[in-house]
Protein backbone atom coordinates (compact mmCIF):
# COMPACT_ATOMS: atom_id res chain seq x y z
CA MET A 1 99.38 13.40 -8.85
CA ILE A 2 97.54 11.18 -6.41
CA TRP A 3 96.18 14.12 -4.36
CA MET A 4 94.93 15.84 -7.47
CA HIS A 5 92.45 12.92 -8.28
CA GLN A 6 90.99 12.62 -4.77
CA PRO A 7 88.02 15.06 -5.35
CA ARG A 8 86.89 12.98 -8.34
CA LEU A 9 86.72 9.84 -6.15
CA ILE A 10 84.99 11.52 -3.20
CA ALA A 11 82.01 12.92 -5.23
CA PRO A 12 80.62 9.53 -6.39
CA ILE A 13 81.01 8.13 -2.89
CA LEU A 14 78.98 11.02 -1.39
CA LEU A 15 76.20 10.53 -4.00
CA LEU A 16 76.03 6.82 -3.21
CA CYS A 17 75.72 7.47 0.54
CA THR A 18 73.00 10.08 -0.02
CA TRP A 19 70.94 7.62 -2.16
CA VAL A 20 71.26 4.86 0.45
CA LEU A 21 70.11 7.18 3.23
CA TRP A 22 67.15 8.46 1.14
CA SER A 23 66.11 4.93 0.18
CA GLY A 24 66.23 3.83 3.83
CA ASN A 25 64.00 6.71 4.92
CA THR A 26 61.54 6.02 2.07
CA LEU A 27 61.21 2.34 2.97
CA SER A 28 60.70 3.14 6.62
CA GLU A 29 57.97 5.72 5.79
CA GLN A 30 55.58 3.60 3.65
CA PRO A 31 52.11 5.26 3.33
CA SER A 32 49.29 3.92 5.50
CA VAL A 33 45.57 4.75 5.79
CA LEU A 34 43.62 5.31 8.99
CA ILE A 35 40.58 3.03 8.88
CA LYS A 36 37.69 1.74 10.94
CA THR A 37 36.72 -1.92 10.89
CA ALA A 38 33.90 -4.27 11.85
CA ARG A 39 33.59 -8.01 12.18
CA VAL A 40 31.97 -10.19 9.55
CA SER A 41 29.02 -11.93 11.19
CA GLN A 42 26.88 -14.88 10.24
CA GLN A 43 23.19 -14.42 10.99
CA PRO A 44 19.70 -14.97 9.59
CA VAL A 45 18.77 -12.29 7.07
CA SER A 46 15.60 -11.76 5.09
CA GLU A 47 15.31 -10.65 1.50
CA THR A 48 12.78 -7.85 1.25
CA LEU A 49 10.90 -6.19 -1.57
CA THR A 50 9.94 -2.53 -1.16
CA ALA A 51 6.57 -1.38 -2.46
CA PHE A 52 4.60 1.84 -2.26
CA GLY A 53 0.87 2.16 -1.82
CA VAL A 54 -2.08 3.92 -0.22
CA LEU A 55 -4.49 3.19 2.61
CA GLU A 56 -8.01 2.50 1.41
CA PRO A 57 -11.20 1.09 2.91
CA ASP A 58 -11.62 -2.66 2.68
CA PRO A 59 -13.72 -3.32 -0.47
CA ASP A 60 -15.77 -5.86 1.50
CA GLN A 61 -16.80 -3.14 3.96
CA VAL A 62 -17.94 -0.39 1.56
CA LEU A 63 -21.68 0.33 1.31
CA SER A 64 -23.13 1.94 -1.81
CA LEU A 65 -26.07 4.23 -1.02
CA SER A 66 -28.39 4.86 -3.98
CA LEU A 67 -31.57 6.87 -4.50
CA PRO A 68 -34.53 4.56 -5.22
CA ARG A 69 -36.55 7.23 -7.03
CA ALA A 70 -36.15 10.31 -9.14
CA GLY A 71 -36.20 13.64 -7.39
CA LEU A 72 -34.49 16.84 -6.36
CA ILE A 73 -31.67 16.99 -3.78
CA ASN A 74 -33.00 19.59 -1.39
CA ARG A 75 -30.24 19.44 1.24
CA VAL A 76 -26.89 17.69 1.76
CA TRP A 77 -25.53 17.47 5.31
CA VAL A 78 -22.27 15.57 4.68
CA ARG A 79 -18.99 16.19 2.87
CA LEU A 80 -16.37 13.93 1.31
CA GLY A 81 -14.18 12.34 4.01
CA GLN A 82 -16.62 13.12 6.84
CA ARG A 83 -17.20 10.60 9.62
CA VAL A 84 -20.84 9.62 10.16
CA LYS A 85 -22.67 7.55 12.76
CA SER A 86 -25.51 5.16 12.15
CA GLY A 87 -28.74 7.18 11.91
CA ASP A 88 -27.09 10.48 10.99
CA ALA A 89 -28.97 12.56 8.39
CA LEU A 90 -27.16 12.48 5.05
CA LEU A 91 -29.43 14.27 2.58
CA GLU A 92 -33.02 15.32 1.92
CA VAL A 93 -34.80 14.33 -1.31
CA ILE A 94 -37.96 15.88 -2.77
CA THR A 95 -39.84 13.34 -4.87
CA ALA A 96 -40.13 14.22 -8.55
CA PRO A 97 -43.69 15.23 -9.66
CA ASP A 98 -44.00 12.42 -12.21
CA ALA A 99 -42.93 9.83 -9.61
CA ARG A 100 -45.45 11.26 -7.15
CA MET A 101 -48.17 11.08 -9.82
CA GLN A 102 -47.27 7.43 -10.46
CA TYR A 103 -47.78 6.69 -6.77
CA LEU A 104 -51.18 8.40 -6.69
CA GLN A 105 -52.24 6.45 -9.76
CA ALA A 106 -51.20 3.22 -8.06
CA GLN A 107 -53.30 4.14 -5.01
CA SER A 108 -56.29 4.83 -7.25
CA ALA A 109 -55.79 1.49 -9.02
CA VAL A 110 -55.87 -0.34 -5.68
CA ASP A 111 -59.09 1.42 -4.66
CA TYR A 112 -60.74 0.61 -7.97
CA ALA A 113 -59.63 -3.04 -7.87
CA GLN A 114 -60.96 -3.36 -4.32
CA ARG A 115 -64.37 -2.05 -5.33
CA GLU A 116 -64.44 -4.30 -8.39
CA LEU A 117 -63.73 -7.33 -6.24
CA GLU A 118 -66.48 -6.44 -3.80
CA ARG A 119 -68.95 -5.88 -6.67
CA ASN A 120 -68.12 -9.20 -8.32
CA GLN A 121 -68.40 -11.03 -5.02
CA HIS A 122 -71.85 -9.50 -4.45
CA LEU A 123 -72.97 -10.48 -7.97
CA PHE A 124 -71.62 -13.98 -7.44
CA GLU A 125 -73.70 -14.34 -4.30
CA GLU A 126 -76.77 -13.39 -6.37
CA GLN A 127 -75.65 -15.79 -9.10
CA LEU A 128 -75.15 -12.92 -11.53
CA ALA A 129 -71.39 -13.42 -11.88
CA THR A 130 -69.19 -16.45 -12.31
CA LYS A 131 -66.41 -17.65 -10.02
CA GLY A 132 -63.94 -16.89 -12.79
CA GLN A 133 -64.94 -13.24 -12.77
CA VAL A 134 -64.42 -13.09 -9.00
CA ASP A 135 -60.98 -14.69 -9.32
CA ALA A 136 -60.00 -12.24 -12.07
CA ALA A 137 -61.08 -9.29 -9.92
CA ARG A 138 -59.10 -10.67 -6.97
CA LYS A 139 -55.98 -11.03 -9.16
CA ASN A 140 -56.35 -7.46 -10.41
CA LEU A 141 -56.45 -6.28 -6.79
CA GLU A 142 -53.35 -8.28 -5.89
CA ASP A 143 -51.45 -6.86 -8.89
CA ALA A 144 -52.45 -3.29 -8.06
CA GLN A 145 -51.48 -3.78 -4.41
CA ALA A 146 -48.08 -5.22 -5.40
CA THR A 147 -47.40 -2.19 -7.60
CA LEU A 148 -48.32 0.17 -4.77
CA ASN A 149 -46.13 -1.71 -2.27
CA ALA A 150 -43.16 -1.50 -4.65
CA LEU A 151 -43.59 2.24 -4.99
CA LYS A 152 -43.85 2.58 -1.19
CA ALA A 153 -40.61 0.61 -0.77
CA ARG A 154 -38.91 3.08 -3.09
CA GLY A 155 -40.16 5.97 -0.98
CA VAL A 156 -42.30 7.40 -3.74
CA GLY A 157 -45.13 7.82 -1.26
CA PHE A 158 -43.25 10.59 0.52
CA THR A 159 -43.26 14.11 -0.83
CA LYS A 160 -40.02 14.77 1.02
CA GLN A 161 -37.70 12.22 2.66
CA THR A 162 -34.51 12.35 4.71
CA LEU A 163 -31.92 9.67 3.88
CA ARG A 164 -29.98 8.46 6.95
CA SER A 165 -26.72 6.56 7.37
CA PRO A 166 -27.19 2.80 7.85
CA MET A 167 -23.79 2.35 9.55
CA ASP A 168 -20.81 4.05 11.18
CA GLY A 169 -18.17 5.00 8.63
CA ILE A 170 -16.50 7.55 6.39
CA ILE A 171 -17.93 9.17 3.27
CA THR A 172 -15.42 8.06 0.63
CA ARG A 173 -17.40 9.14 -2.42
CA LEU A 174 -20.10 11.78 -2.92
CA ASP A 175 -21.76 11.95 -6.34
CA LEU A 176 -24.36 14.66 -5.84
CA SER A 177 -24.80 18.21 -4.61
CA GLN A 178 -27.56 20.42 -3.31
CA GLY A 179 -30.11 21.43 -5.97
CA GLN A 180 -29.20 18.56 -8.28
CA ARG A 181 -31.93 16.57 -10.06
CA VAL A 182 -31.33 12.81 -9.97
CA GLN A 183 -32.80 9.78 -11.67
CA ALA A 184 -34.03 6.66 -9.94
CA ASP A 185 -31.35 4.21 -8.76
CA SER A 186 -28.60 6.84 -9.01
CA THR A 187 -25.61 6.23 -6.69
CA ALA A 188 -25.56 8.95 -4.06
CA MET A 189 -22.44 8.10 -2.05
CA LEU A 190 -20.15 5.38 -0.70
CA ILE A 191 -19.77 4.82 3.04
CA ALA A 192 -16.74 2.80 4.18
CA SER A 193 -16.24 1.19 7.55
CA GLU A 194 -13.49 2.99 9.47
CA GLN A 195 -12.57 -0.20 11.30
CA ARG A 196 -11.54 -2.15 8.20
CA LEU A 197 -8.66 -0.66 6.19
CA ILE A 198 -6.25 -2.19 3.70
CA ALA A 199 -2.95 -1.13 2.18
CA ARG A 200 -3.21 -1.25 -1.62
CA LEU A 201 0.38 -1.80 -2.78
CA GLY A 202 1.91 -1.82 -6.25
CA ILE A 203 4.67 -4.22 -7.29
CA GLU A 204 6.52 -4.70 -10.56
CA PRO A 205 5.10 -7.48 -12.78
CA GLU A 206 8.44 -9.35 -12.78
CA ASP A 207 8.21 -9.74 -8.98
CA LEU A 208 4.74 -11.29 -9.13
CA THR A 209 5.98 -14.89 -8.94
CA ARG A 210 7.67 -14.21 -5.59
CA ILE A 211 4.56 -12.81 -3.90
CA GLN A 212 1.87 -15.03 -2.42
CA PRO A 213 -0.90 -14.69 0.20
CA GLY A 214 0.34 -14.97 3.76
CA LEU A 215 3.71 -13.32 3.04
CA PRO A 216 4.81 -11.13 6.02
CA VAL A 217 4.62 -7.37 5.36
CA THR A 218 5.88 -4.40 7.37
CA ILE A 219 4.05 -1.15 6.60
CA ARG A 220 5.18 2.38 7.49
CA SER A 221 3.42 5.66 6.91
CA VAL A 222 5.27 8.10 4.65
CA PHE A 223 4.23 11.02 6.86
CA VAL A 224 4.68 9.28 10.23
CA PRO A 225 7.58 6.83 9.65
CA GLU A 226 7.84 5.87 13.33
CA ILE A 227 4.51 4.03 13.04
CA THR A 228 5.23 0.40 12.06
CA ILE A 229 2.49 -2.10 11.26
CA ALA A 230 3.06 -5.84 10.93
CA THR A 231 0.61 -7.70 8.69
CA THR A 232 0.47 -10.24 5.84
CA VAL A 233 -0.49 -10.28 2.17
CA ARG A 234 -4.21 -11.06 1.71
CA GLU A 235 -4.65 -10.87 -2.05
CA VAL A 236 -2.39 -10.79 -5.11
CA HIS A 237 -4.13 -9.52 -8.23
CA ALA A 238 -3.49 -11.15 -11.58
CA MET A 239 -3.38 -8.16 -13.92
CA VAL A 240 -1.38 -4.99 -14.49
CA ASP A 241 -3.13 -1.76 -13.54
CA PRO A 242 -3.33 0.29 -16.77
CA ALA A 243 -2.82 3.54 -14.84
CA THR A 244 0.21 2.58 -12.71
CA HIS A 245 1.56 -0.36 -14.80
CA LEU A 246 1.96 -2.26 -11.53
CA VAL A 247 0.28 -5.34 -10.04
CA GLU A 248 -1.84 -4.62 -6.97
CA VAL A 249 -1.29 -6.44 -3.69
CA LEU A 250 -3.68 -6.01 -0.74
CA ALA A 251 -2.58 -6.20 2.90
CA PRO A 252 -5.13 -5.68 5.74
CA ILE A 253 -4.41 -3.28 8.61
CA PRO A 254 -4.98 -4.77 12.10
CA GLN A 255 -7.90 -3.07 13.88
CA GLN A 256 -5.82 -2.20 16.96
CA GLN A 257 -3.55 -0.01 14.80
CA ILE A 258 -6.16 1.74 12.67
CA ASP A 259 -6.37 4.74 15.02
CA HIS A 260 -2.78 5.71 14.11
CA LEU A 261 -3.53 6.04 10.39
CA VAL A 262 -5.58 8.26 8.11
CA LEU A 263 -7.55 7.01 5.13
CA GLY A 264 -5.77 7.92 1.89
CA SER A 265 -2.30 8.10 3.49
CA ARG A 266 0.70 7.04 1.43
CA VAL A 267 2.62 4.07 2.84
CA ILE A 268 5.87 2.20 2.28
CA ALA A 269 5.78 -1.58 2.62
CA GLU A 270 8.56 -4.13 2.95
CA LEU A 271 7.54 -7.62 1.87
CA GLN A 272 9.68 -10.33 3.48
CA LEU A 273 10.48 -12.84 0.72
CA THR A 274 13.00 -15.31 2.21
CA ILE A 275 15.05 -15.92 5.38
CA GLN A 276 18.46 -17.59 5.29
CA ASP A 277 21.77 -17.70 7.17
CA ALA A 278 24.47 -15.64 5.47
CA LEU A 279 27.69 -13.70 6.06
CA VAL A 280 26.70 -10.11 6.81
CA VAL A 281 28.73 -6.89 6.63
CA PRO A 282 27.75 -3.24 7.02
CA ARG A 283 26.62 -1.57 3.81
CA SER A 284 29.60 0.84 3.86
CA ALA A 285 32.02 -2.10 3.63
CA VAL A 286 30.94 -3.07 0.11
CA LEU A 287 32.40 -1.16 -2.86
CA THR A 288 31.83 -1.68 -6.56
CA GLN A 289 34.02 -1.20 -9.61
CA ASN A 290 32.95 -1.97 -13.17
CA GLY A 291 29.92 -3.83 -11.81
CA GLN A 292 32.04 -6.05 -9.50
CA ALA A 293 31.49 -5.83 -5.74
CA TYR A 294 34.46 -6.12 -3.40
CA ILE A 295 35.54 -5.49 0.18
CA TYR A 296 38.83 -4.97 2.04
CA LEU A 297 39.85 -7.32 4.84
CA VAL A 298 42.62 -6.46 7.32
CA ASP A 299 45.36 -9.09 7.23
CA THR A 300 48.50 -8.55 9.37
CA GLY A 301 48.25 -4.78 9.17
CA LYS A 302 47.58 -4.64 5.46
CA ALA A 303 44.44 -4.33 3.35
CA ARG A 304 43.51 -7.36 1.27
CA ARG A 305 40.98 -6.91 -1.50
CA VAL A 306 38.38 -9.68 -1.78
CA SER A 307 35.78 -9.95 -4.54
CA VAL A 308 32.30 -10.75 -3.22
CA LYS A 309 28.77 -11.34 -4.48
CA GLN A 310 25.86 -9.46 -2.94
CA ILE A 311 23.09 -11.88 -1.98
CA ILE A 312 20.56 -9.88 0.03
CA ASP A 313 20.35 -6.16 0.65
CA SER A 314 18.57 -5.66 3.98
CA GLY A 315 19.02 -1.93 4.43
CA ASN A 316 21.98 -1.08 6.68
CA GLN A 317 23.53 -4.52 6.15
CA ILE A 318 24.32 -6.64 3.12
CA ALA A 319 24.60 -10.42 2.95
CA ILE A 320 27.56 -11.43 0.79
CA SER A 321 29.48 -14.51 -0.32
CA GLY A 322 33.15 -14.87 -1.23
CA ALA A 323 36.58 -15.81 0.16
CA LEU A 324 35.87 -14.71 3.73
CA GLN A 325 34.43 -16.13 6.92
CA ALA A 326 32.67 -15.04 10.09
CA GLY A 327 34.98 -13.10 12.40
CA ASP A 328 37.13 -11.57 9.67
CA GLU A 329 37.96 -7.90 10.11
CA VAL A 330 36.40 -5.87 7.29
CA VAL A 331 37.09 -2.18 6.56
CA VAL A 332 33.98 0.01 6.87
CA THR A 333 35.53 3.50 6.89
CA GLY A 334 38.49 4.64 4.79
CA ASN A 335 38.15 1.82 2.26
CA TYR A 336 37.81 4.27 -0.64
CA GLU A 337 41.48 5.25 -0.14
CA LEU A 338 42.85 1.71 -0.12
CA THR A 339 44.58 -0.43 -2.68
CA ASP A 340 45.41 -4.11 -2.38
CA GLY A 341 48.31 -4.65 0.01
CA MET A 342 48.36 -1.10 1.39
CA ALA A 343 49.37 -0.68 5.05
CA VAL A 344 46.53 0.37 7.37
CA ARG A 345 46.15 1.83 10.83
CA VAL A 346 42.99 0.80 12.69
CA THR A 347 41.13 3.42 14.70
CA PRO A 348 41.27 2.36 18.35
């Protein structure tokens, strides 16, 4: 009887041994993640504000060239964006017939007034005219001469005249073309100094209170990003541009760096708002979940999740605050696979 019940006792014992061996192997083979780490550092960091803009001529160095008289544009020697030197021919204007007739009439009025003055002076010497008549004739001559001089200053005395550049610069605006008839005092073109450029930047209205003149700015060209220009804010405008819905900020370009840039180029600017000491980690170390930022620290071979607050985003690094300190080992690669308390293996 005893030997017949032995198989029933042996089966449970074998199952128990198998479970113990399996449990031992499972505990000894806990999952771990291969990671890469970096040290938390404490260093000065600056909060920056990124803005986009365009290079334009300095408004203080733009000359408006207008036509003093009505006429016909006979020739135009320049184009929009062209560089010109002082004295270069810009355009040729033929004086309008009615303006020319006005000039000839003014000349005739001067001649007549001159003769009238001489006649009245002669009569006065013969006591046939009064001193008042002589003074009136002299005033008429002065008035006629003033009118003629004004017309000469406007160039009406010339049948044809060549307009020349008064300065070195770039044609930034051209409002006329060959064969066009123009009225007096019409704006012909704008000439901007090539040696005085500004970056016209646009910022969001809510950031206006943090921007002030003298704030450091780093400017980079969109097309040539390796060119870096250090400057400061010169002006902060006080209204929203109706076209861009942004507030304009002007930053001058140093003259020694103007040769590297082209007028009208698009630029990216970083405005340095504040500088403070903070705990800094690489950008890849910071993760977010449901709007909460967190990192993983390595503590005795295991990952420890720590909630943090992002203070300043400075590009490749982020300044944070939380339950950590300088020198802590933070996970920068492989952190997406981690959970709190998971075993880790650090890449040598």
